[in-house]
Amino acid sequence: MLKGLGGLGDMAKMMKQAQEMQSKMAQMQEDLENVMVTGESGAGLVKATATAKGELKGLDIDPSIFNGDDKEVVEDLILAAIKDAQGKANERAQEEMAKMTEGLGLPPGVKLPF
């Protein structure tokens, strides 16, 4: 009966897969808000905790680094710890995205969401 319509069945299947993918993406984005990563600097003297989405949630500073003469060093350590946490958050998000998209047949290295 639908013989002349060609690949409409395939199109419906693709649309359903796209909707499932969208749902999984939304769930993954929500999950990334609950995954915590910790970046460090100064051999662990400064630690920054962030969500896998990169939102800074906490900062732990060893009191031994508080010396009035070392203000710039402390600031640099704090920035380094935050950058480390953000880098780890980005890596974690990419790992989670790769897990979700591995069955889609996308070429390696495709960055989602576009």
C-alpha atoms as a PDB file:
ATOM      1  CA  MET A   1       0.000   0.000   0.000  1.00  0.00           C
ATOM      2  CA  LEU A   2       2.834   2.452   0.793  1.00  0.00           C
ATOM      3  CA  LYS A   3       5.049   0.999  -1.895  1.00  0.00           C
ATOM      4  CA  GLY A   4       5.539   4.285  -3.756  1.00  0.00           C
ATOM      5  CA  LEU A   5       6.567   6.195  -0.621  1.00  0.00           C
ATOM      6  CA  GLY A   6      10.037   4.660  -0.480  1.00  0.00           C
ATOM      7  CA  GLY A   7      11.913   5.318   2.744  1.00  0.00           C
ATOM      8  CA  LEU A   8       9.189   6.886   4.884  1.00  0.00           C
ATOM      9  CA  GLY A   9       9.501   3.993   7.309  1.00  0.00           C
ATOM     10  CA  ASP A  10      13.218   4.699   7.584  1.00  0.00           C
ATOM     11  CA  MET A  11      12.499   8.393   8.075  1.00  0.00           C
ATOM     12  CA  ALA A  12      10.101   7.635  10.928  1.00  0.00           C
ATOM     13  CA  LYS A  13      12.727   5.403  12.498  1.00  0.00           C
ATOM     14  CA  MET A  14      15.338   8.162  12.173  1.00  0.00           C
ATOM     15  CA  MET A  15      12.974  10.711  13.738  1.00  0.00           C
ATOM     16  CA  LYS A  16      12.348   8.377  16.661  1.00  0.00           C
ATOM     17  CA  GLN A  17      16.103   7.892  17.123  1.00  0.00           C
ATOM     18  CA  ALA A  18      16.613  11.662  17.007  1.00  0.00           C
ATOM     19  CA  GLN A  19      13.978  12.157  19.702  1.00  0.00           C
ATOM     20  CA  GLU A  20      15.593   9.464  21.850  1.00  0.00           C
ATOM     21  CA  MET A  21      18.971  11.115  21.358  1.00  0.00           C
ATOM     22  CA  GLN A  22      17.552  14.489  22.361  1.00  0.00           C
ATOM     23  CA  SER A  23      16.078  12.961  25.494  1.00  0.00           C
ATOM     24  CA  LYS A  24      19.385  11.272  26.345  1.00  0.00           C
ATOM     25  CA  MET A  25      21.264  14.539  25.762  1.00  0.00           C
ATOM     26  CA  ALA A  26      18.949  16.395  28.131  1.00  0.00           C
ATOM     27  CA  GLN A  27      19.401  13.699  30.771  1.00  0.00           C
ATOM     28  CA  MET A  28      23.177  13.748  30.327  1.00  0.00           C
ATOM     29  CA  GLN A  29      23.266  17.544  30.728  1.00  0.00           C
ATOM     30  CA  GLU A  30      21.288  17.178  33.940  1.00  0.00           C
ATOM     31  CA  ASP A  31      23.570  14.386  35.168  1.00  0.00           C
ATOM     32  CA  LEU A  32      26.690  16.472  34.504  1.00  0.00           C
ATOM     33  CA  GLU A  33      25.448  18.974  37.074  1.00  0.00           C
ATOM     34  CA  ASN A  34      25.791  16.257  39.735  1.00  0.00           C
ATOM     35  CA  VAL A  35      29.220  14.918  38.724  1.00  0.00           C
ATOM     36  CA  MET A  36      32.018  16.598  40.670  1.00  0.00           C
ATOM     37  CA  VAL A  37      35.655  16.924  39.608  1.00  0.00           C
ATOM     38  CA  THR A  38      38.546  18.380  41.600  1.00  0.00           C
ATOM     39  CA  GLY A  39      41.435  20.364  40.178  1.00  0.00           C
ATOM     40  CA  GLU A  40      44.628  20.963  42.134  1.00  0.00           C
ATOM     41  CA  SER A  41      47.653  23.187  42.108  1.00  0.00           C
ATOM     42  CA  GLY A  42      50.711  23.628  44.288  1.00  0.00           C
ATOM     43  CA  ALA A  43      50.952  19.868  44.905  1.00  0.00           C
ATOM     44  CA  GLY A  44      47.478  19.872  46.433  1.00  0.00           C
ATOM     45  CA  LEU A  45      47.790  23.063  48.474  1.00  0.00           C
ATOM     46  CA  VAL A  46      44.872  24.552  46.534  1.00  0.00           C
ATOM     47  CA  LYS A  47      41.930  22.439  45.378  1.00  0.00           C
ATOM     48  CA  ALA A  48      38.969  23.610  43.311  1.00  0.00           C
ATOM     49  CA  THR A  49      35.835  21.477  43.011  1.00  0.00           C
ATOM     50  CA  ALA A  50      33.479  21.963  40.073  1.00  0.00           C
ATOM     51  CA  THR A  51      30.607  20.188  38.384  1.00  0.00           C
ATOM     52  CA  ALA A  52      31.343  18.370  35.129  1.00  0.00           C
ATOM     53  CA  LYS A  53      29.631  21.348  33.482  1.00  0.00           C
ATOM     54  CA  GLY A  54      32.417  23.574  34.839  1.00  0.00           C
ATOM     55  CA  GLU A  55      30.501  25.395  37.584  1.00  0.00           C
ATOM     56  CA  LEU A  56      32.822  26.078  40.515  1.00  0.00           C
ATOM     57  CA  LYS A  57      31.370  24.613  43.715  1.00  0.00           C
ATOM     58  CA  GLY A  58      34.171  24.747  46.246  1.00  0.00           C
ATOM     59  CA  LEU A  59      37.669  25.933  46.983  1.00  0.00           C
ATOM     60  CA  ASP A  60      39.997  24.408  49.585  1.00  0.00           C
ATOM     61  CA  ILE A  61      43.165  26.287  50.481  1.00  0.00           C
ATOM     62  CA  ASP A  62      45.805  24.880  52.814  1.00  0.00           C
ATOM     63  CA  PRO A  63      46.433  27.543  55.486  1.00  0.00           C
ATOM     64  CA  SER A  64      50.198  27.074  55.188  1.00  0.00           C
ATOM     65  CA  ILE A  65      50.263  29.175  52.018  1.00  0.00           C
ATOM     66  CA  PHE A  66      48.992  32.325  53.711  1.00  0.00           C
ATOM     67  CA  ASN A  67      52.011  34.517  54.091  1.00  0.00           C
ATOM     68  CA  GLY A  68      51.616  38.233  53.449  1.00  0.00           C
ATOM     69  CA  ASP A  69      54.535  38.259  51.042  1.00  0.00           C
ATOM     70  CA  ASP A  70      53.089  35.485  48.860  1.00  0.00           C
ATOM     71  CA  LYS A  71      49.814  37.106  47.806  1.00  0.00           C
ATOM     72  CA  GLU A  72      50.563  36.801  44.070  1.00  0.00           C
ATOM     73  CA  VAL A  73      51.660  33.175  44.452  1.00  0.00           C
ATOM     74  CA  VAL A  74      48.409  32.333  46.263  1.00  0.00           C
ATOM     75  CA  GLU A  75      46.361  34.040  43.560  1.00  0.00           C
ATOM     76  CA  ASP A  76      48.240  32.105  40.867  1.00  0.00           C
ATOM     77  CA  LEU A  77      47.677  28.815  42.710  1.00  0.00           C
ATOM     78  CA  ILE A  78      43.963  29.526  43.024  1.00  0.00           C
ATOM     79  CA  LEU A  79      43.646  30.330  39.323  1.00  0.00           C
ATOM     80  CA  ALA A  80      45.645  27.227  38.395  1.00  0.00           C
ATOM     81  CA  ALA A  81      43.413  24.995  40.537  1.00  0.00           C
ATOM     82  CA  ILE A  82      40.259  26.474  39.000  1.00  0.00           C
ATOM     83  CA  LYS A  83      41.620  26.031  35.468  1.00  0.00           C
ATOM     84  CA  ASP A  84      42.575  22.434  36.297  1.00  0.00           C
ATOM     85  CA  ALA A  85      39.053  21.734  37.588  1.00  0.00           C
ATOM     86  CA  GLN A  86      37.501  23.300  34.499  1.00  0.00           C
ATOM     87  CA  GLY A  87      39.755  21.237  32.235  1.00  0.00           C
ATOM     88  CA  LYS A  88      38.786  18.057  34.063  1.00  0.00           C
ATOM     89  CA  ALA A  89      35.122  19.057  33.844  1.00  0.00           C
ATOM     90  CA  ASN A  90      35.440  19.466  30.084  1.00  0.00           C
ATOM     91  CA  GLU A  91      37.193  16.097  29.733  1.00  0.00           C
ATOM     92  CA  ARG A  92      34.506  14.389  31.807  1.00  0.00           C
ATOM     93  CA  ALA A  93      31.715  15.960  29.764  1.00  0.00           C
ATOM     94  CA  GLN A  94      33.399  14.795  26.536  1.00  0.00           C
ATOM     95  CA  GLU A  95      33.774  11.260  27.955  1.00  0.00           C
ATOM     96  CA  GLU A  96      30.082  11.145  28.843  1.00  0.00           C
ATOM     97  CA  MET A  97      29.132  12.466  25.393  1.00  0.00           C
ATOM     98  CA  ALA A  98      31.331   9.839  23.717  1.00  0.00           C
ATOM     99  CA  LYS A  99      29.615   7.067  25.713  1.00  0.00           C
ATOM    100  CA  MET A 100      26.225   8.310  24.624  1.00  0.00           C
ATOM    101  CA  THR A 101      27.050   8.750  20.946  1.00  0.00           C
ATOM    102  CA  GLU A 102      29.214   5.674  20.311  1.00  0.00           C
ATOM    103  CA  GLY A 103      26.293   3.694  18.886  1.00  0.00           C
ATOM    104  CA  LEU A 104      25.255   6.400  16.425  1.00  0.00           C
ATOM    105  CA  GLY A 105      27.923   5.741  13.819  1.00  0.00           C
ATOM    106  CA  LEU A 106      29.249   9.302  13.927  1.00  0.00           C
ATOM    107  CA  PRO A 107      32.795   9.921  12.781  1.00  0.00           C
ATOM    108  CA  PRO A 108      35.407  10.044  15.572  1.00  0.00           C
ATOM    109  CA  GLY A 109      35.986  13.481  17.030  1.00  0.00           C
ATOM    110  CA  VAL A 110      32.532  14.894  16.256  1.00  0.00           C
ATOM    111  CA  LYS A 111      31.757  17.483  18.930  1.00  0.00           C
ATOM    112  CA  LEU A 112      28.206  17.507  20.249  1.00  0.00           C
ATOM    113  CA  PRO A 113      26.138  19.487  20.823  1.00  0.00           C
ATOM    114  CA  PHE A 114      26.947  21.243  17.574  1.00  0.00           C
END
